[in-house]
Structures are given as C-alpha cells and as structure tokens.
C-alpha cells in the first residue's frame, strides 16, 4: 500500500492553493477595494496591491467595521504617488481557515474624511447576500459610521452650560434643561393612544415596554446597615415600569426630592415614610412607585443619624432616568447632597426643615405599599393607586 509522505502532501496543498489579487484604491484615487468581497479556501493567498493615495489593509470585525481588531493583520499605510505606473507595493494574507475576515482602510479614521466611513471595506468569506453577516450589511455599517462622523462634524457646538444656585445654600449647579412639549401616538402590544408630555433632552422615549410595565428592584440599605440605594440609579426606564424599593436593615425612607434640593421632600412628591427593619429580618417591606413620565426623578432617605447628620448628606440618594451625558447626572446629584447636607457642609444650616424623623432603629414593617408617580400629564388618565 502506498502512503504519501508529509512532504508530498505539503507540495500537493501548495500546488492547489490559489492566489487572489485585490486592488486597494485605483489610479483615479478611488476609495475602493476591487473586488470588494472574495471567497477563499484554506491555504489560498490574497495579495493586496496598493494604488494611488495612501491606504491600509487593516483587519476589523463585523461588529466594528472601522476599528482595528486587536491582534488582527495590518499592512500599515502604503502611500503611492499619483504618477506611479508600476512597482506598486503589495501585502499578502494567507487564509488559515474559512471564518470571515473583515478588512478596512484605516486612513483618516474617526474623522468626516474616513475612508472606511466612505465604504472602503473588504471581506474574505463573508456570509451570502441576505445573511446577517453579508458584505452588504458590513459595508452599510461602515457607511453609517461615516454618516455619523460627518453629522457630528457639521453639528453646531454644544450650548455652554448655564448655571444657577441650589434651592438652598450657596452651591452653584447646572440649570434645569428646557422641556419640549411633544404629542405622539403610542402603540404598545394591541393598544394605541395619543399622549402629550414634556420631553427633556436625553430622556427616554415615551413608549412603555409593556402594558403592565417591568419591575425594577432597588434595595434601600443592606444587611450591613449601609446608607445606600442599590443600584444608585436606573436609566432608560419607560413609563408604566415599576420601581420596587425593598427596605433592608435600619430605618430608611424613599422620598422624592429635586435636583436643586436633593435632601428636601418635593412638594406633592411620593414618600414611603420610614420603614424600620431589624437586624435579624429575613423578609423585607417594599414600596412600589409606577413611573408615569420620562423626566429624571430624584429620591433620598430622610433619616437622621444619632449624631444629627443625615443619611442623605452621607450620599444616600437615588435617581430614575438621570441624563448621564448631561451636567445634571447622578454623580452631580449625589455630590450636591453631600455638599449641602454633609457633616462638613455649609449649605446644611440653610436647608429648610424636613418632616420629623423617627429613630434610626425599630420593629419590622412587613407590608408592601404601591403608589403611581404622576408628575406632568404623561399617562395622567392611566395614573392610579395600585
């Protein structure tokens, strides 16, 4: 019986390997790979020939078409003068498997003149047309990035932040954004209705996730007696979703306030009252708030410590839908609470009095309370006490 040697097998594989030529750019300075997509077998070699301008062959990924893939192949830039007619530089990729290889030109990356953003991308063994990982989808993602870069470049500069003072004390804070009154038709599942609401820059859409809403559990305190809300804030919470405050050890409250007065109850705002929980508790009282608007909502614990300092002044605050990209983000809210009401604050002395506190201890309250939070007209007709 004849057994071919390894050398013979290697020679056969080498003989069957194909060479595929791809032009990078052209004599007209076009931002193209030609052909844009190819199919290759294991062992095939793809030879990229660089033409006029200054291009690269840089590996990326389907998810990020214009970003270099860590550890991926990269030719570096290959400048070619306009008058060159021969001796074009080349770069070769050997195909080691049949997985897709995504390629782009990295010239002018992250700028409006991005070659990738203009569609200068290439693929080896991409999915067929109609498949999620088709070349068409890959190129469209690159074009979308280019469009976004151009839009950002042409956008007017951001409006300088306006400032005001907090509702008490002397702290300077970012001014409240101006709301825009919006009327939209909302469709959820099989139901549709028209609603008018105040839309704030960066606020989530007014469309509920479902007719009944999702429940988000927020722990108030913990078994160690910490003065925290966990998580400290929630974003992208649509109307009808429910914030379920779950009270743990010590004696806390979930009290609505405002950004400018973080440790003072908001007039007409919701308030759980104090819900004392003993150290050995295994079941915990809850207080549910149904969100009926898209504007940021601010909360704090209004409990005092034995030394007279406040939980809020220690940073025990919470927010729903803070616009984290704006100056009035959660961190700014928490810092303001500490500045105005912390043990070293100057604003605390000027703070208006709050409803009387109960001792920071007490018996367990094993019940659940529900309230709909309705500030503004959004879903006012649907607001109800649960």
Protein backbone atom coordinates (compact mmCIF):
# COMPACT_ATOMS: atom_id res chain seq x y z
CA UNK A 1 0.00 0.00 0.00
CA UNK A 2 1.29 3.49 -0.86
CA UNK A 3 1.33 6.16 1.83
CA UNK A 4 2.18 9.67 0.59
CA UNK A 5 4.89 11.42 2.54
CA UNK A 6 4.21 14.61 4.51
CA UNK A 7 6.42 16.47 2.07
CA UNK A 8 4.32 15.22 -0.81
CA UNK A 9 1.10 16.27 0.93
CA UNK A 10 2.52 19.71 1.61
CA UNK A 11 3.58 20.01 -2.01
CA UNK A 12 0.12 18.99 -3.18
CA UNK A 13 -1.53 21.52 -0.87
CA UNK A 14 0.82 24.22 -2.08
CA UNK A 15 0.09 23.35 -5.68
CA UNK A 16 -3.68 23.56 -5.11
CA UNK A 17 -3.56 26.88 -3.22
CA UNK A 18 -4.86 29.81 -5.22
CA UNK A 19 -3.60 33.37 -5.43
CA UNK A 20 -6.34 36.00 -5.36
CA UNK A 21 -5.49 39.58 -6.31
CA UNK A 22 -7.27 42.56 -4.78
CA UNK A 23 -6.62 46.19 -5.75
CA UNK A 24 -6.57 48.74 -2.94
CA UNK A 25 -7.62 52.07 -4.41
CA UNK A 26 -7.13 52.86 -8.10
CA UNK A 27 -5.40 55.29 -10.43
CA UNK A 28 -8.28 57.74 -10.05
CA UNK A 29 -7.78 57.86 -6.29
CA UNK A 30 -10.98 55.93 -5.63
CA UNK A 31 -11.74 54.74 -2.11
CA UNK A 32 -12.42 51.13 -3.08
CA UNK A 33 -11.27 47.56 -2.76
CA UNK A 34 -11.66 45.66 -6.03
CA UNK A 35 -13.18 43.14 -5.72
CA UNK A 36 -14.96 44.11 -2.51
CA UNK A 37 -15.73 40.56 -1.36
CA UNK A 38 -14.00 37.29 -2.21
CA UNK A 39 -14.23 33.66 -1.20
CA UNK A 40 -11.05 31.71 -0.47
CA UNK A 41 -10.06 28.23 0.63
CA UNK A 42 -7.63 27.33 3.38
CA UNK A 43 -4.11 27.93 2.11
CA UNK A 44 -5.11 30.49 -0.50
CA UNK A 45 -3.16 33.73 -0.58
CA UNK A 46 -4.79 37.12 -1.01
CA UNK A 47 -2.39 39.67 -2.48
CA UNK A 48 -3.42 43.29 -1.97
CA UNK A 49 -1.87 45.73 -4.44
CA UNK A 50 -1.87 49.36 -3.33
CA UNK A 51 -2.65 52.09 -5.83
CA UNK A 52 -2.78 55.89 -5.69
CA UNK A 53 -3.33 57.73 -2.39
CA UNK A 54 -2.34 56.31 0.98
CA UNK A 55 -4.30 53.27 2.09
CA UNK A 56 -4.04 50.37 4.50
CA UNK A 57 -5.32 46.82 4.76
CA UNK A 58 -6.45 46.62 8.37
CA UNK A 59 -8.44 43.76 9.88
CA UNK A 60 -11.58 44.71 11.81
CA UNK A 61 -14.72 42.87 12.89
CA UNK A 62 -18.28 42.70 11.64
CA UNK A 63 -19.48 44.47 14.80
CA UNK A 64 -16.97 47.33 14.46
CA UNK A 65 -16.10 47.64 10.77
CA UNK A 66 -13.95 50.77 11.11
CA UNK A 67 -11.97 49.80 14.22
CA UNK A 68 -8.77 47.70 14.13
CA UNK A 69 -9.21 44.20 15.53
CA UNK A 70 -6.86 43.57 18.44
CA UNK A 71 -4.20 41.17 17.22
CA UNK A 72 -5.51 41.35 13.64
CA UNK A 73 -3.44 41.77 10.49
CA UNK A 74 -2.45 45.27 9.45
CA UNK A 75 -0.39 46.34 6.47
CA UNK A 76 0.23 49.81 7.78
CA UNK A 77 -0.16 52.74 5.40
CA UNK A 78 1.18 52.29 1.86
CA UNK A 79 1.48 55.71 0.16
CA UNK A 80 1.50 55.68 -3.64
CA UNK A 81 2.18 58.84 -5.64
CA UNK A 82 -0.18 59.94 -8.41
CA UNK A 83 2.45 59.44 -11.14
CA UNK A 84 3.37 55.84 -10.23
CA UNK A 85 2.61 53.35 -13.01
CA UNK A 86 4.49 50.24 -11.89
CA UNK A 87 6.12 48.66 -8.86
CA UNK A 88 3.04 49.07 -6.68
CA UNK A 89 3.52 47.85 -3.09
CA UNK A 90 1.72 44.69 -2.01
CA UNK A 91 0.60 42.98 1.18
CA UNK A 92 -0.34 39.31 1.45
CA UNK A 93 -2.77 37.49 3.72
CA UNK A 94 -2.68 33.70 3.85
CA UNK A 95 -6.10 32.21 4.58
CA UNK A 96 -5.77 29.80 7.52
CA UNK A 97 -9.45 28.89 7.95
CA UNK A 98 -12.82 29.63 6.42
CA UNK A 99 -14.00 32.11 9.05
CA UNK A 100 -14.89 35.56 7.68
CA UNK A 101 -12.07 38.10 7.58
CA UNK A 102 -13.22 41.71 7.65
CA UNK A 103 -10.90 44.40 6.28
CA UNK A 104 -10.98 48.20 6.01
CA UNK A 105 -8.75 51.14 5.15
CA UNK A 106 -7.76 52.98 8.32
CA UNK A 107 -6.95 56.27 6.63
CA UNK A 108 -8.48 59.39 8.28
CA UNK A 109 -10.03 57.21 10.98
CA UNK A 110 -12.64 58.81 13.24
CA UNK A 111 -12.91 61.90 11.03
CA UNK A 112 -15.50 63.02 8.47
CA UNK A 113 -12.98 62.02 5.76
CA UNK A 114 -12.69 58.43 6.98
CA UNK A 115 -12.00 56.08 4.06
CA UNK A 116 -13.84 53.31 5.91
CA UNK A 117 -16.79 55.63 6.51
CA UNK A 118 -16.92 56.20 2.76
CA UNK A 119 -17.36 52.45 2.26
CA UNK A 120 -13.75 51.39 1.69
CA UNK A 121 -14.12 47.92 3.20
CA UNK A 122 -13.43 44.38 2.05
CA UNK A 123 -14.32 40.87 3.17
CA UNK A 124 -12.98 37.35 2.77
CA UNK A 125 -15.54 34.53 3.19
CA UNK A 126 -18.40 36.74 4.36
CA UNK A 127 -21.95 35.47 4.58
CA UNK A 128 -24.10 35.36 1.43
CA UNK A 129 -26.47 38.16 0.46
CA UNK A 130 -29.44 38.11 2.80
CA UNK A 131 -27.43 36.62 5.68
CA UNK A 132 -26.91 38.71 8.83
CA UNK A 133 -23.13 38.76 8.19
CA UNK A 134 -23.37 39.58 4.49
CA UNK A 135 -20.95 42.01 2.89
CA UNK A 136 -23.87 44.35 2.17
CA UNK A 137 -24.62 44.64 5.89
CA UNK A 138 -20.92 45.05 6.73
CA UNK A 139 -20.48 47.87 4.25
CA UNK A 140 -23.69 49.57 5.34
CA UNK A 141 -22.43 49.60 8.94
CA UNK A 142 -19.26 51.32 7.74
CA UNK A 143 -21.28 53.88 5.77
CA UNK A 144 -23.43 54.53 8.84
CA UNK A 145 -20.29 55.29 10.83
CA UNK A 146 -19.17 57.69 8.12
CA UNK A 147 -22.53 59.46 8.11
CA UNK A 148 -22.39 59.82 11.88
CA UNK A 149 -18.87 61.28 11.76
CA UNK A 150 -19.97 63.84 9.16
CA UNK A 151 -23.07 64.74 11.16
CA UNK A 152 -21.01 65.26 14.30
CA UNK A 153 -18.58 67.48 12.42
CA UNK A 154 -21.35 69.64 10.97
CA UNK A 155 -23.35 69.88 14.19
CA UNK A 156 -23.27 73.24 15.95
CA UNK A 157 -21.07 73.39 19.04
CA UNK A 158 -22.83 72.41 22.25
CA UNK A 159 -24.57 75.20 24.07
CA UNK A 160 -22.47 76.35 27.01
CA UNK A 161 -23.82 75.10 30.31
CA UNK A 162 -25.91 77.66 32.15
CA UNK A 163 -25.61 77.78 35.90
CA UNK A 164 -27.82 78.68 38.81
CA UNK A 165 -27.77 78.23 42.57
CA UNK A 166 -29.21 75.35 44.53
CA UNK A 167 -32.60 75.77 46.17
CA UNK A 168 -30.82 76.36 49.49
CA UNK A 169 -27.23 77.04 50.47
CA UNK A 170 -24.78 78.72 48.12
CA UNK A 171 -23.77 75.84 45.83
CA UNK A 172 -23.73 76.51 42.08
CA UNK A 173 -25.48 73.88 39.95
CA UNK A 174 -26.27 73.37 36.25
CA UNK A 175 -29.54 75.00 35.26
CA UNK A 176 -32.51 72.76 34.53
CA UNK A 177 -32.93 71.85 30.85
CA UNK A 178 -35.84 73.29 28.90
CA UNK A 179 -38.57 70.76 28.20
CA UNK A 180 -40.28 70.49 24.83
CA UNK A 181 -43.99 69.68 24.73
CA UNK A 182 -44.47 66.69 22.45
CA UNK A 183 -47.64 64.96 21.26
CA UNK A 184 -47.18 61.43 19.97
CA UNK A 185 -49.18 58.31 19.24
CA UNK A 186 -48.01 55.49 21.48
CA UNK A 187 -48.54 51.87 20.42
CA UNK A 188 -47.93 49.04 22.86
CA UNK A 189 -48.97 45.50 22.04
CA UNK A 190 -52.53 45.82 20.69
CA UNK A 191 -53.23 49.22 22.27
CA UNK A 192 -52.66 52.72 20.89
CA UNK A 193 -53.28 56.14 22.38
CA UNK A 194 -52.25 59.76 21.94
CA UNK A 195 -50.32 61.42 24.74
CA UNK A 196 -48.82 64.84 25.32
CA UNK A 197 -45.81 65.09 27.59
CA UNK A 198 -42.76 67.18 28.42
CA UNK A 199 -39.74 65.77 26.62
CA UNK A 200 -36.35 66.57 28.13
CA UNK A 201 -33.02 66.38 26.26
CA UNK A 202 -31.64 62.88 26.69
CA UNK A 203 -34.79 61.47 28.27
CA UNK A 204 -36.09 58.04 27.20
CA UNK A 205 -38.93 57.53 24.74
CA UNK A 206 -42.50 57.70 26.00
CA UNK A 207 -43.39 54.21 24.79
CA UNK A 208 -43.85 51.71 27.65
CA UNK A 209 -42.06 48.38 27.50
CA UNK A 210 -45.42 46.67 28.01
CA UNK A 211 -48.93 47.50 29.14
CA UNK A 212 -48.17 46.23 32.63
CA UNK A 213 -44.60 47.50 32.82
CA UNK A 214 -41.44 45.85 34.09
CA UNK A 215 -40.41 45.76 37.75
CA UNK A 216 -37.02 47.08 38.86
CA UNK A 217 -35.97 46.19 42.41
CA UNK A 218 -33.93 48.79 44.29
CA UNK A 219 -32.57 47.83 47.70
CA UNK A 220 -32.73 50.53 50.35
CA UNK A 221 -29.89 49.84 52.78
CA UNK A 222 -28.46 46.36 53.24
CA UNK A 223 -27.76 43.70 55.87
CA UNK A 224 -24.65 45.62 56.99
CA UNK A 225 -26.70 48.70 57.74
CA UNK A 226 -25.13 50.71 54.92
CA UNK A 227 -26.72 54.01 53.89
CA UNK A 228 -27.11 53.21 50.20
CA UNK A 229 -29.60 52.63 47.42
CA UNK A 230 -28.60 49.63 45.31
CA UNK A 231 -28.42 50.30 42.40
CA UNK A 232 -27.91 54.04 42.96
CA UNK A 233 -29.71 54.99 39.75
CA UNK A 234 -31.61 53.50 36.80
CA UNK A 235 -31.65 54.77 33.21
CA UNK A 236 -33.89 54.14 30.19
CA UNK A 237 -36.91 53.41 32.37
CA UNK A 238 -40.07 53.92 30.28
CA UNK A 239 -43.49 54.94 31.61
CA UNK A 240 -45.51 52.22 33.39
CA UNK A 241 -42.38 50.48 34.68
CA UNK A 242 -42.38 49.96 38.44
CA UNK A 243 -39.59 50.86 40.85
CA UNK A 244 -39.89 48.47 43.79
CA UNK A 245 -37.99 49.85 46.77
CA UNK A 246 -37.07 46.93 49.05
CA UNK A 247 -36.15 48.09 52.56
CA UNK A 248 -33.35 46.38 54.45
CA UNK A 249 -31.79 46.78 57.88
CA UNK A 250 -32.00 50.08 59.76
CA UNK A 251 -34.81 52.58 59.29
CA UNK A 252 -34.91 54.27 55.90
CA UNK A 253 -37.29 56.09 53.58
CA UNK A 254 -37.58 56.56 49.83
CA UNK A 255 -38.61 60.19 49.50
CA UNK A 256 -38.91 62.15 46.30
CA UNK A 257 -36.90 65.37 46.09
CA UNK A 258 -35.48 67.51 43.27
CA UNK A 259 -32.05 68.03 41.76
CA UNK A 260 -31.71 71.51 43.26
CA UNK A 261 -32.83 70.41 46.73
CA UNK A 262 -31.63 66.81 46.99
CA UNK A 263 -32.37 66.33 50.68
CA UNK A 264 -35.71 68.14 50.91
CA UNK A 265 -39.04 66.40 50.11
CA UNK A 266 -40.53 67.65 46.85
CA UNK A 267 -43.93 69.31 47.26
CA UNK A 268 -46.52 66.71 46.32
CA UNK A 269 -43.83 64.09 45.78
CA UNK A 270 -44.10 60.47 46.83
CA UNK A 271 -42.75 59.34 50.18
CA UNK A 272 -42.61 55.82 51.56
CA UNK A 273 -42.37 57.03 55.11
CA UNK A 274 -39.92 55.32 57.43
CA UNK A 275 -39.83 51.53 57.21
CA UNK A 276 -37.78 50.13 60.10
CA UNK A 277 -36.21 46.70 59.58
CA UNK A 278 -34.49 44.83 62.46
CA UNK A 279 -31.02 43.32 62.08
CA UNK A 280 -32.32 39.74 62.09
CA UNK A 281 -35.06 40.28 59.47
CA UNK A 282 -35.43 37.75 56.66
CA UNK A 283 -38.40 39.36 54.91
CA UNK A 284 -38.40 42.95 53.80
CA UNK A 285 -41.11 45.58 53.25
CA UNK A 286 -41.46 47.16 49.82
CA UNK A 287 -42.74 50.42 48.41
CA UNK A 288 -43.66 50.45 44.72
CA UNK A 289 -43.62 53.52 42.51
CA UNK A 290 -45.06 53.43 38.98
CA UNK A 291 -43.17 55.74 36.63
CA UNK A 292 -45.51 57.85 34.52
CA UNK A 293 -43.11 60.29 32.89
CA UNK A 294 -39.72 60.46 31.18
CA UNK A 295 -38.13 63.34 33.11
CA UNK A 296 -35.48 62.48 35.74
CA UNK A 297 -36.84 61.57 39.17
CA UNK A 298 -34.79 62.16 42.30
CA UNK A 299 -35.06 60.42 45.69
CA UNK A 300 -33.31 60.40 49.06
CA UNK A 301 -33.54 58.86 52.51
CA UNK A 302 -34.68 61.48 55.02
CA UNK A 303 -33.43 59.64 58.10
CA UNK A 304 -31.10 61.32 60.60
CA UNK A 305 -28.18 59.62 62.32
CA UNK A 306 -27.75 59.73 66.12
CA UNK A 307 -25.14 62.48 65.72
CA UNK A 308 -27.65 64.65 63.88
CA UNK A 309 -26.18 64.18 60.42
CA UNK A 310 -28.41 62.84 57.67
CA UNK A 311 -28.38 59.72 55.52
CA UNK A 312 -28.90 61.99 52.51
CA UNK A 313 -25.90 64.09 53.47
CA UNK A 314 -23.87 60.88 53.50
CA UNK A 315 -24.86 60.30 49.87
CA UNK A 316 -27.93 58.09 50.31
CA UNK A 317 -29.74 59.28 47.19
CA UNK A 318 -31.27 57.61 44.14
CA UNK A 319 -32.39 58.64 40.65
CA UNK A 320 -34.59 57.36 37.84
CA UNK A 321 -33.60 58.40 34.32
CA UNK A 322 -30.83 60.87 35.15
CA UNK A 323 -29.29 62.05 31.89
CA UNK A 324 -25.77 60.76 32.44
CA UNK A 325 -24.38 62.68 29.47
CA UNK A 326 -25.55 65.99 30.94
CA UNK A 327 -24.16 68.11 33.81
CA UNK A 328 -27.22 67.13 35.87
CA UNK A 329 -26.18 63.48 36.12
CA UNK A 330 -26.42 61.18 39.12
CA UNK A 331 -22.90 61.86 40.37
CA UNK A 332 -23.59 65.61 40.36
CA UNK A 333 -26.82 64.99 42.30
CA UNK A 334 -25.04 62.89 44.93
CA UNK A 335 -22.18 65.37 45.26
CA UNK A 336 -24.70 68.18 45.75
CA UNK A 337 -26.46 66.19 48.50
CA UNK A 338 -23.15 65.79 50.32
CA UNK A 339 -22.18 69.41 49.72
CA UNK A 340 -25.43 70.83 51.06
CA UNK A 341 -26.15 68.32 53.81
CA UNK A 342 -22.90 66.51 54.65
CA UNK A 343 -21.21 66.84 58.03
CA UNK A 344 -18.78 69.40 56.61
CA UNK A 345 -21.31 71.27 54.51
CA UNK A 346 -22.02 74.96 54.64
CA UNK A 347 -25.41 74.63 52.98
CA UNK A 348 -26.92 72.28 55.56
CA UNK A 349 -27.53 75.03 58.05
CA UNK A 350 -29.54 76.90 55.47
CA UNK A 351 -31.64 73.91 54.50
CA UNK A 352 -35.37 74.15 55.13
CA UNK A 353 -36.70 71.89 57.83
CA UNK A 354 -37.93 68.47 56.77
CA UNK A 355 -40.70 66.31 58.24
CA UNK A 356 -39.68 64.90 61.60
CA UNK A 357 -37.53 61.81 61.54
CA UNK A 358 -38.06 58.64 63.52
CA UNK A 359 -35.23 56.91 65.38
CA UNK A 360 -32.73 55.00 63.27
CA UNK A 361 -33.98 51.68 64.62
CA UNK A 362 -37.27 49.93 65.23
CA UNK A 363 -39.51 46.95 64.56
CA UNK A 364 -40.03 45.33 61.20
CA UNK A 365 -42.71 46.58 58.86
CA UNK A 366 -43.76 43.53 56.86
CA UNK A 367 -46.02 45.01 54.23
CA UNK A 368 -45.95 46.36 50.69
CA UNK A 369 -47.08 49.80 49.56
CA UNK A 370 -47.80 50.85 45.99
CA UNK A 371 -48.14 54.32 44.51
CA UNK A 372 -48.29 55.71 41.00
CA UNK A 373 -45.89 58.57 40.38
CA UNK A 374 -47.64 61.10 38.16
CA UNK A 375 -45.82 64.36 37.59
CA UNK A 376 -46.93 66.08 34.43
CA UNK A 377 -49.62 64.98 32.01
CA UNK A 378 -47.99 61.85 30.61
CA UNK A 379 -50.41 58.96 31.05
CA UNK A 380 -52.35 61.06 33.51
CA UNK A 381 -55.51 59.21 32.58
CA UNK A 382 -53.82 55.92 33.43
CA UNK A 383 -52.34 57.04 36.75
CA UNK A 384 -53.84 55.15 39.63
CA UNK A 385 -53.12 53.89 43.12
CA UNK A 386 -52.30 50.17 42.93
